[in-house]
Amino acid sequence: MSLALSHFSIRSLDLDACERFYTQVLGLRVGPRPPFPFPGLWLYEGDTSVWGNALVHIIGIDRNDPEGLKGYLGDRGLGSLDHTGSVDHIAFSATGLAQMRSTLQGLGLEVRERTVPHLGLRQLFLDDPNGVVIELNYPAEEA
C-alpha cells in the first residue's frame, strides 16, 4: 500500500473570508469543483485543470439549506466549527520567507515564528478565518 496526502477540508460559514485567506496569504487559486449539493471552494496549487492540485477544500455551510451537506457528508453541529478539534495544525513546505513576512504584515495578520531545534527550519504559524492553524516551513538557509 502507498499513501499520499490528497487534500484537507474545512467546514466554514464564511466562504469569502476563506477565499481571501487562502488566495492572498498562501497564493492558492480557486478552481473547478464538482457540482456537490452544497456550497464550497476548491483551492489549487498549480494547474487548476488537474484535480489532484486542489489542496484545500472549503465546505460551505448554508444555514438556510443544510440538507445537501447533511446528505452528502453527514450532520455536524455548528459547535464542531470551533478551532480544529483533534487536528492540531496543517503544515506546508514553503519558500519565500521574506515575501511571506511582508505579506502577513501588510494584511495585519498575527504570526508566531519558531525555529525547529537541530533542523533550523523556520516556521510560521497563523490561523485561518476558522481558527485552523496553518504552519509554513521554510528552509534554514532562508532564515
N, C-alpha and C. Protein backbone atom coordinates (compact mmCIF):
# COMPACT_ATOMS: atom_id res chain seq x y z
N MET A 1 0.85 -1.18 0.00
CA MET A 1 0.00 0.00 0.00
C MET A 1 0.89 1.24 0.00
N SER A 2 0.40 2.26 -0.66
CA SER A 2 1.09 3.54 -0.72
C SER A 2 0.10 4.64 -0.37
N LEU A 3 0.53 5.61 0.44
CA LEU A 3 -0.34 6.72 0.82
C LEU A 3 0.32 8.04 0.52
N ALA A 4 -0.48 9.02 0.16
CA ALA A 4 -0.03 10.40 -0.01
C ALA A 4 -1.20 11.29 0.38
N LEU A 5 -0.93 12.37 1.05
CA LEU A 5 -1.99 13.29 1.42
C LEU A 5 -2.56 13.93 0.17
N SER A 6 -3.85 13.87 -0.01
CA SER A 6 -4.52 14.42 -1.18
C SER A 6 -4.94 15.86 -0.96
N HIS A 7 -5.65 16.12 0.13
CA HIS A 7 -6.15 17.46 0.44
C HIS A 7 -6.62 17.49 1.88
N PHE A 8 -6.95 18.68 2.36
CA PHE A 8 -7.67 18.76 3.62
C PHE A 8 -8.89 19.61 3.41
N SER A 9 -9.93 19.34 4.20
CA SER A 9 -11.21 20.02 4.07
C SER A 9 -11.54 20.76 5.35
N ILE A 10 -12.16 21.91 5.19
CA ILE A 10 -12.57 22.73 6.32
C ILE A 10 -14.02 23.12 6.10
N ARG A 11 -14.85 22.91 7.13
CA ARG A 11 -16.22 23.40 7.07
C ARG A 11 -16.22 24.85 7.52
N SER A 12 -16.98 25.68 6.81
CA SER A 12 -16.97 27.11 7.13
C SER A 12 -18.31 27.76 6.85
N LEU A 13 -18.62 28.76 7.64
CA LEU A 13 -19.79 29.61 7.40
C LEU A 13 -19.44 30.81 6.53
N ASP A 14 -18.15 31.04 6.27
CA ASP A 14 -17.71 32.24 5.56
C ASP A 14 -16.77 31.89 4.41
N LEU A 15 -17.35 31.55 3.27
CA LEU A 15 -16.55 31.19 2.09
C LEU A 15 -15.69 32.36 1.62
N ASP A 16 -16.22 33.58 1.68
CA ASP A 16 -15.46 34.74 1.21
C ASP A 16 -14.19 34.94 2.02
N ALA A 17 -14.28 34.84 3.35
CA ALA A 17 -13.10 35.00 4.21
C ALA A 17 -12.08 33.91 3.92
N CYS A 18 -12.55 32.69 3.71
CA CYS A 18 -11.65 31.58 3.39
C CYS A 18 -10.95 31.81 2.05
N GLU A 19 -11.72 32.25 1.07
CA GLU A 19 -11.12 32.51 -0.24
C GLU A 19 -10.04 33.58 -0.13
N ARG A 20 -10.32 34.67 0.58
CA ARG A 20 -9.32 35.73 0.74
C ARG A 20 -8.06 35.20 1.43
N PHE A 21 -8.24 34.46 2.52
CA PHE A 21 -7.09 33.95 3.26
C PHE A 21 -6.23 33.04 2.40
N TYR A 22 -6.83 32.02 1.81
CA TYR A 22 -6.04 31.03 1.09
C TYR A 22 -5.49 31.53 -0.24
N THR A 23 -6.11 32.54 -0.83
CA THR A 23 -5.56 33.11 -2.06
C THR A 23 -4.54 34.21 -1.76
N GLN A 24 -4.86 35.12 -0.86
CA GLN A 24 -3.96 36.25 -0.57
C GLN A 24 -2.75 35.83 0.26
N VAL A 25 -2.95 34.95 1.23
CA VAL A 25 -1.85 34.58 2.11
C VAL A 25 -1.03 33.43 1.51
N LEU A 26 -1.67 32.36 1.12
CA LEU A 26 -0.94 31.20 0.63
C LEU A 26 -0.75 31.16 -0.88
N GLY A 27 -1.42 32.06 -1.59
CA GLY A 27 -1.24 32.10 -3.03
C GLY A 27 -1.94 30.99 -3.79
N LEU A 28 -2.88 30.30 -3.14
CA LEU A 28 -3.64 29.27 -3.85
C LEU A 28 -4.65 29.94 -4.77
N ARG A 29 -5.18 29.18 -5.73
CA ARG A 29 -6.14 29.72 -6.69
C ARG A 29 -7.43 28.92 -6.65
N VAL A 30 -8.54 29.63 -6.73
CA VAL A 30 -9.83 28.96 -6.82
C VAL A 30 -9.93 28.30 -8.18
N GLY A 31 -10.38 27.06 -8.18
CA GLY A 31 -10.51 26.34 -9.44
C GLY A 31 -11.77 25.51 -9.45
N PRO A 32 -11.90 24.65 -10.46
CA PRO A 32 -13.11 23.85 -10.63
C PRO A 32 -13.40 22.97 -9.42
N ARG A 33 -14.68 22.75 -9.22
CA ARG A 33 -15.17 21.92 -8.12
C ARG A 33 -16.37 21.14 -8.64
N PRO A 34 -16.45 19.86 -8.32
CA PRO A 34 -17.62 19.08 -8.76
C PRO A 34 -18.91 19.71 -8.24
N PRO A 35 -20.03 19.42 -8.89
CA PRO A 35 -21.32 20.01 -8.51
C PRO A 35 -21.94 19.31 -7.29
N PHE A 36 -21.28 19.46 -6.15
CA PHE A 36 -21.82 18.90 -4.92
C PHE A 36 -23.12 19.60 -4.55
N PRO A 37 -23.96 18.98 -3.72
CA PRO A 37 -25.23 19.58 -3.34
C PRO A 37 -25.10 20.55 -2.15
N PHE A 38 -23.97 21.22 -2.05
CA PHE A 38 -23.72 22.21 -1.01
C PHE A 38 -22.65 23.17 -1.53
N PRO A 39 -22.58 24.38 -1.00
CA PRO A 39 -21.60 25.35 -1.49
C PRO A 39 -20.18 24.99 -1.06
N GLY A 40 -19.22 25.56 -1.74
CA GLY A 40 -17.83 25.32 -1.36
C GLY A 40 -16.85 25.88 -2.35
N LEU A 41 -15.58 25.68 -2.05
CA LEU A 41 -14.46 26.13 -2.89
C LEU A 41 -13.40 25.04 -2.92
N TRP A 42 -12.75 24.88 -4.06
CA TRP A 42 -11.54 24.08 -4.12
C TRP A 42 -10.43 25.04 -4.47
N LEU A 43 -9.34 24.98 -3.67
CA LEU A 43 -8.21 25.89 -3.83
C LEU A 43 -6.99 25.09 -4.27
N TYR A 44 -6.39 25.55 -5.35
CA TYR A 44 -5.35 24.80 -6.05
C TYR A 44 -3.97 25.42 -5.91
N GLU A 45 -2.97 24.54 -5.91
CA GLU A 45 -1.57 24.92 -6.07
C GLU A 45 -1.18 24.42 -7.46
N GLY A 46 -0.90 25.34 -8.36
CA GLY A 46 -0.54 24.94 -9.72
C GLY A 46 -1.74 24.88 -10.64
N ASP A 47 -1.64 24.01 -11.62
CA ASP A 47 -2.60 23.89 -12.71
C ASP A 47 -3.99 23.53 -12.18
N THR A 48 -4.96 24.41 -12.42
CA THR A 48 -6.32 24.17 -11.93
C THR A 48 -7.10 23.16 -12.78
N SER A 49 -6.50 22.68 -13.86
CA SER A 49 -7.17 21.65 -14.65
C SER A 49 -6.85 20.25 -14.13
N VAL A 50 -5.97 20.16 -13.14
CA VAL A 50 -5.59 18.88 -12.55
C VAL A 50 -6.24 18.79 -11.17
N TRP A 51 -7.24 17.90 -11.04
CA TRP A 51 -7.99 17.79 -9.79
C TRP A 51 -7.09 17.55 -8.59
N GLY A 52 -6.03 16.79 -8.79
CA GLY A 52 -5.11 16.46 -7.70
C GLY A 52 -4.37 17.66 -7.13
N ASN A 53 -4.41 18.79 -7.81
CA ASN A 53 -3.75 20.01 -7.32
C ASN A 53 -4.64 20.80 -6.37
N ALA A 54 -5.85 20.35 -6.13
CA ALA A 54 -6.76 21.04 -5.21
C ALA A 54 -6.40 20.62 -3.78
N LEU A 55 -5.53 21.40 -3.15
CA LEU A 55 -5.00 21.06 -1.83
C LEU A 55 -5.98 21.32 -0.69
N VAL A 56 -6.80 22.36 -0.85
CA VAL A 56 -7.71 22.76 0.22
C VAL A 56 -9.13 22.76 -0.32
N HIS A 57 -10.01 22.04 0.36
CA HIS A 57 -11.42 22.02 0.02
C HIS A 57 -12.16 22.75 1.14
N ILE A 58 -12.85 23.82 0.80
CA ILE A 58 -13.66 24.54 1.78
C ILE A 58 -15.09 24.07 1.59
N ILE A 59 -15.68 23.57 2.66
CA ILE A 59 -17.04 23.07 2.64
C ILE A 59 -17.94 24.17 3.21
N GLY A 60 -18.77 24.74 2.37
CA GLY A 60 -19.65 25.81 2.81
C GLY A 60 -20.87 25.28 3.54
N ILE A 61 -21.21 25.93 4.61
CA ILE A 61 -22.40 25.57 5.37
C ILE A 61 -23.47 26.61 5.09
N ASP A 62 -24.54 26.17 4.48
CA ASP A 62 -25.66 27.04 4.16
C ASP A 62 -26.71 26.86 5.26
N ARG A 63 -26.81 27.84 6.15
CA ARG A 63 -27.75 27.74 7.28
C ARG A 63 -29.20 27.63 6.80
N ASN A 64 -29.49 28.18 5.61
CA ASN A 64 -30.86 28.16 5.10
C ASN A 64 -31.21 26.88 4.37
N ASP A 65 -30.19 26.13 3.95
CA ASP A 65 -30.44 24.89 3.22
C ASP A 65 -29.32 23.90 3.50
N PRO A 66 -29.28 23.31 4.70
CA PRO A 66 -28.19 22.41 5.07
C PRO A 66 -28.37 20.97 4.59
N GLU A 67 -29.48 20.66 3.93
CA GLU A 67 -29.79 19.26 3.60
C GLU A 67 -28.80 18.62 2.64
N GLY A 68 -28.31 19.38 1.65
CA GLY A 68 -27.34 18.81 0.71
C GLY A 68 -26.07 18.36 1.41
N LEU A 69 -25.57 19.20 2.30
CA LEU A 69 -24.36 18.86 3.06
C LEU A 69 -24.63 17.69 4.00
N LYS A 70 -25.74 17.73 4.71
CA LYS A 70 -26.09 16.64 5.63
C LYS A 70 -26.18 15.31 4.90
N GLY A 71 -26.82 15.32 3.73
CA GLY A 71 -26.99 14.10 2.97
C GLY A 71 -25.69 13.56 2.42
N TYR A 72 -24.76 14.44 2.07
CA TYR A 72 -23.51 14.01 1.43
C TYR A 72 -22.44 13.63 2.45
N LEU A 73 -22.21 14.49 3.44
CA LEU A 73 -21.13 14.27 4.39
C LEU A 73 -21.59 13.95 5.80
N GLY A 74 -22.86 14.11 6.08
CA GLY A 74 -23.35 13.85 7.42
C GLY A 74 -23.53 15.14 8.20
N ASP A 75 -24.35 15.05 9.22
CA ASP A 75 -24.68 16.22 10.03
C ASP A 75 -23.68 16.42 11.14
N ARG A 76 -23.28 17.65 11.33
CA ARG A 76 -22.44 18.05 12.46
C ARG A 76 -22.98 19.37 12.97
N GLY A 77 -23.01 19.53 14.25
CA GLY A 77 -23.47 20.79 14.82
C GLY A 77 -22.48 21.91 14.56
N LEU A 78 -22.95 23.15 14.66
CA LEU A 78 -22.08 24.30 14.45
C LEU A 78 -20.96 24.36 15.49
N GLY A 79 -21.15 23.73 16.64
CA GLY A 79 -20.08 23.67 17.64
C GLY A 79 -18.84 22.96 17.14
N SER A 80 -18.99 22.11 16.13
CA SER A 80 -17.83 21.40 15.56
C SER A 80 -16.91 22.33 14.79
N LEU A 81 -17.36 23.56 14.53
CA LEU A 81 -16.55 24.51 13.77
C LEU A 81 -15.52 25.23 14.63
N ASP A 82 -15.59 25.08 15.94
CA ASP A 82 -14.66 25.78 16.82
C ASP A 82 -13.26 25.19 16.70
N HIS A 83 -12.35 25.98 16.18
CA HIS A 83 -10.94 25.63 16.02
C HIS A 83 -10.77 24.34 15.22
N THR A 84 -9.86 23.48 15.62
CA THR A 84 -9.53 22.35 14.77
C THR A 84 -9.86 20.99 15.38
N GLY A 85 -10.59 20.96 16.48
CA GLY A 85 -10.91 19.68 17.09
C GLY A 85 -9.65 18.92 17.45
N SER A 86 -9.55 17.67 17.06
CA SER A 86 -8.38 16.85 17.38
C SER A 86 -7.18 17.14 16.50
N VAL A 87 -7.40 17.77 15.37
CA VAL A 87 -6.29 18.10 14.47
C VAL A 87 -5.61 19.36 15.01
N ASP A 88 -4.30 19.30 15.24
CA ASP A 88 -3.59 20.44 15.80
C ASP A 88 -3.28 21.50 14.76
N HIS A 89 -2.74 21.10 13.60
CA HIS A 89 -2.42 22.07 12.56
C HIS A 89 -2.21 21.36 11.22
N ILE A 90 -2.20 22.16 10.17
CA ILE A 90 -1.90 21.69 8.81
C ILE A 90 -0.60 22.38 8.40
N ALA A 91 0.38 21.62 7.92
CA ALA A 91 1.68 22.18 7.58
C ALA A 91 1.96 22.09 6.08
N PHE A 92 2.62 23.13 5.59
CA PHE A 92 3.08 23.19 4.20
C PHE A 92 4.57 23.45 4.19
N SER A 93 5.29 22.83 3.27
CA SER A 93 6.66 23.23 2.97
C SER A 93 6.55 24.46 2.08
N ALA A 94 7.42 25.43 2.29
CA ALA A 94 7.30 26.68 1.55
C ALA A 94 8.67 27.27 1.26
N THR A 95 8.69 28.22 0.34
CA THR A 95 9.87 29.05 0.08
C THR A 95 9.38 30.49 0.02
N GLY A 96 10.32 31.43 0.15
CA GLY A 96 9.95 32.84 0.08
C GLY A 96 9.59 33.43 1.43
N LEU A 97 10.40 33.16 2.44
CA LEU A 97 10.11 33.60 3.80
C LEU A 97 10.00 35.12 3.90
N ALA A 98 10.92 35.85 3.32
CA ALA A 98 10.88 37.32 3.42
C ALA A 98 9.61 37.87 2.80
N GLN A 99 9.21 37.35 1.65
CA GLN A 99 7.98 37.81 0.99
C GLN A 99 6.75 37.48 1.84
N MET A 100 6.74 36.29 2.45
CA MET A 100 5.60 35.92 3.28
C MET A 100 5.51 36.82 4.50
N ARG A 101 6.63 37.12 5.13
CA ARG A 101 6.60 38.05 6.27
C ARG A 101 6.00 39.38 5.86
N SER A 102 6.40 39.87 4.70
CA SER A 102 5.89 41.14 4.18
C SER A 102 4.38 41.05 3.91
N THR A 103 3.96 39.97 3.30
CA THR A 103 2.54 39.77 3.00
C THR A 103 1.71 39.75 4.28
N LEU A 104 2.16 39.00 5.26
CA LEU A 104 1.43 38.89 6.53
C LEU A 104 1.36 40.24 7.24
N GLN A 105 2.46 40.96 7.22
CA GLN A 105 2.47 42.29 7.85
C GLN A 105 1.51 43.22 7.13
N GLY A 106 1.52 43.20 5.80
CA GLY A 106 0.63 44.04 5.00
C GLY A 106 -0.84 43.74 5.23
N LEU A 107 -1.15 42.48 5.52
CA LEU A 107 -2.53 42.08 5.78
C LEU A 107 -2.90 42.22 7.26
N GLY A 108 -1.93 42.56 8.09
CA GLY A 108 -2.19 42.73 9.51
C GLY A 108 -2.51 41.43 10.23
N LEU A 109 -1.96 40.32 9.73
CA LEU A 109 -2.23 39.02 10.35
C LEU A 109 -1.18 38.70 11.41
N GLU A 110 -1.64 38.15 12.51
CA GLU A 110 -0.75 37.73 13.58
C GLU A 110 -0.04 36.45 13.17
N VAL A 111 1.25 36.40 13.44
CA VAL A 111 2.04 35.21 13.11
C VAL A 111 2.94 34.87 14.30
N ARG A 112 3.15 33.58 14.49
CA ARG A 112 4.06 33.10 15.52
C ARG A 112 5.23 32.43 14.81
N GLU A 113 6.44 32.86 15.09
CA GLU A 113 7.63 32.31 14.44
C GLU A 113 8.40 31.42 15.39
N ARG A 114 8.89 30.32 14.85
CA ARG A 114 9.70 29.38 15.62
C ARG A 114 10.80 28.82 14.72
N THR A 115 11.83 28.27 15.35
CA THR A 115 12.88 27.54 14.63
C THR A 115 12.94 26.13 15.19
N VAL A 116 12.90 25.13 14.31
CA VAL A 116 12.94 23.73 14.74
C VAL A 116 14.35 23.40 15.23
N PRO A 117 14.48 22.95 16.48
CA PRO A 117 15.80 22.61 17.01
C PRO A 117 16.50 21.57 16.14
N HIS A 118 17.77 21.73 15.96
CA HIS A 118 18.66 20.85 15.20
C HIS A 118 18.44 20.89 13.69
N LEU A 119 17.23 21.20 13.24
CA LEU A 119 16.96 21.22 11.80
C LEU A 119 17.12 22.62 11.22
N GLY A 120 16.86 23.63 12.03
CA GLY A 120 16.98 25.01 11.56
C GLY A 120 15.82 25.48 10.71
N LEU A 121 14.82 24.62 10.47
CA LEU A 121 13.66 25.07 9.70
C LEU A 121 13.02 26.25 10.40
N ARG A 122 12.66 27.27 9.63
CA ARG A 122 11.95 28.42 10.20
C ARG A 122 10.47 28.18 9.97
N GLN A 123 9.69 28.29 11.03
CA GLN A 123 8.26 28.01 10.95
C GLN A 123 7.47 29.27 11.23
N LEU A 124 6.42 29.45 10.45
CA LEU A 124 5.43 30.50 10.70
C LEU A 124 4.11 29.79 10.99
N PHE A 125 3.48 30.17 12.09
CA PHE A 125 2.17 29.63 12.45
C PHE A 125 1.16 30.77 12.40
N LEU A 126 0.04 30.56 11.72
CA LEU A 126 -1.02 31.55 11.65
C LEU A 126 -2.36 30.84 11.63
N ASP A 127 -3.40 31.57 11.93
CA ASP A 127 -4.74 31.00 11.99
C ASP A 127 -5.56 31.43 10.78
N ASP A 128 -6.25 30.48 10.17
CA ASP A 128 -7.15 30.83 9.07
C ASP A 128 -8.44 31.42 9.68
N PRO A 129 -9.38 31.87 8.85
CA PRO A 129 -10.60 32.50 9.38
C PRO A 129 -11.45 31.61 10.27
N ASN A 130 -11.22 30.30 10.23
CA ASN A 130 -12.00 29.35 11.03
C ASN A 130 -11.26 28.90 12.28
N GLY A 131 -10.06 29.44 12.51
CA GLY A 131 -9.27 29.03 13.66
C GLY A 131 -8.39 27.82 13.39
N VAL A 132 -8.30 27.38 12.14
CA VAL A 132 -7.41 26.29 11.78
C VAL A 132 -5.99 26.83 11.74
N VAL A 133 -5.08 26.19 12.46
CA VAL A 133 -3.69 26.63 12.49
C VAL A 133 -2.98 26.12 11.24
N ILE A 134 -2.37 27.05 10.52
CA ILE A 134 -1.58 26.74 9.33
C ILE A 134 -0.11 26.95 9.68
N GLU A 135 0.71 25.94 9.40
CA GLU A 135 2.15 26.01 9.63
C GLU A 135 2.85 26.08 8.28
N LEU A 136 3.74 27.03 8.14
CA LEU A 136 4.55 27.15 6.93
C LEU A 136 6.00 26.89 7.33
N ASN A 137 6.65 25.92 6.67
CA ASN A 137 8.03 25.54 6.98
C ASN A 137 8.96 26.02 5.87
N TYR A 138 9.95 26.82 6.26
CA TYR A 138 10.91 27.40 5.32
C TYR A 138 12.29 26.81 5.56
N PRO A 139 13.07 26.60 4.50
CA PRO A 139 14.42 26.06 4.66
C PRO A 139 15.28 26.94 5.57
N ALA A 140 16.18 26.30 6.30
CA ALA A 140 17.03 27.01 7.25
C ALA A 140 17.79 28.16 6.59
N GLU A 141 18.21 27.96 5.35
CA GLU A 141 19.01 28.99 4.68
C GLU A 141 18.22 30.29 4.42
N GLU A 142 16.89 30.22 4.46
CA GLU A 142 16.09 31.42 4.28
C GLU A 142 15.95 32.22 5.57
N ALA A 143 16.22 31.58 6.71
CA ALA A 143 16.08 32.27 8.00
C ALA A 143 17.18 33.28 8.15
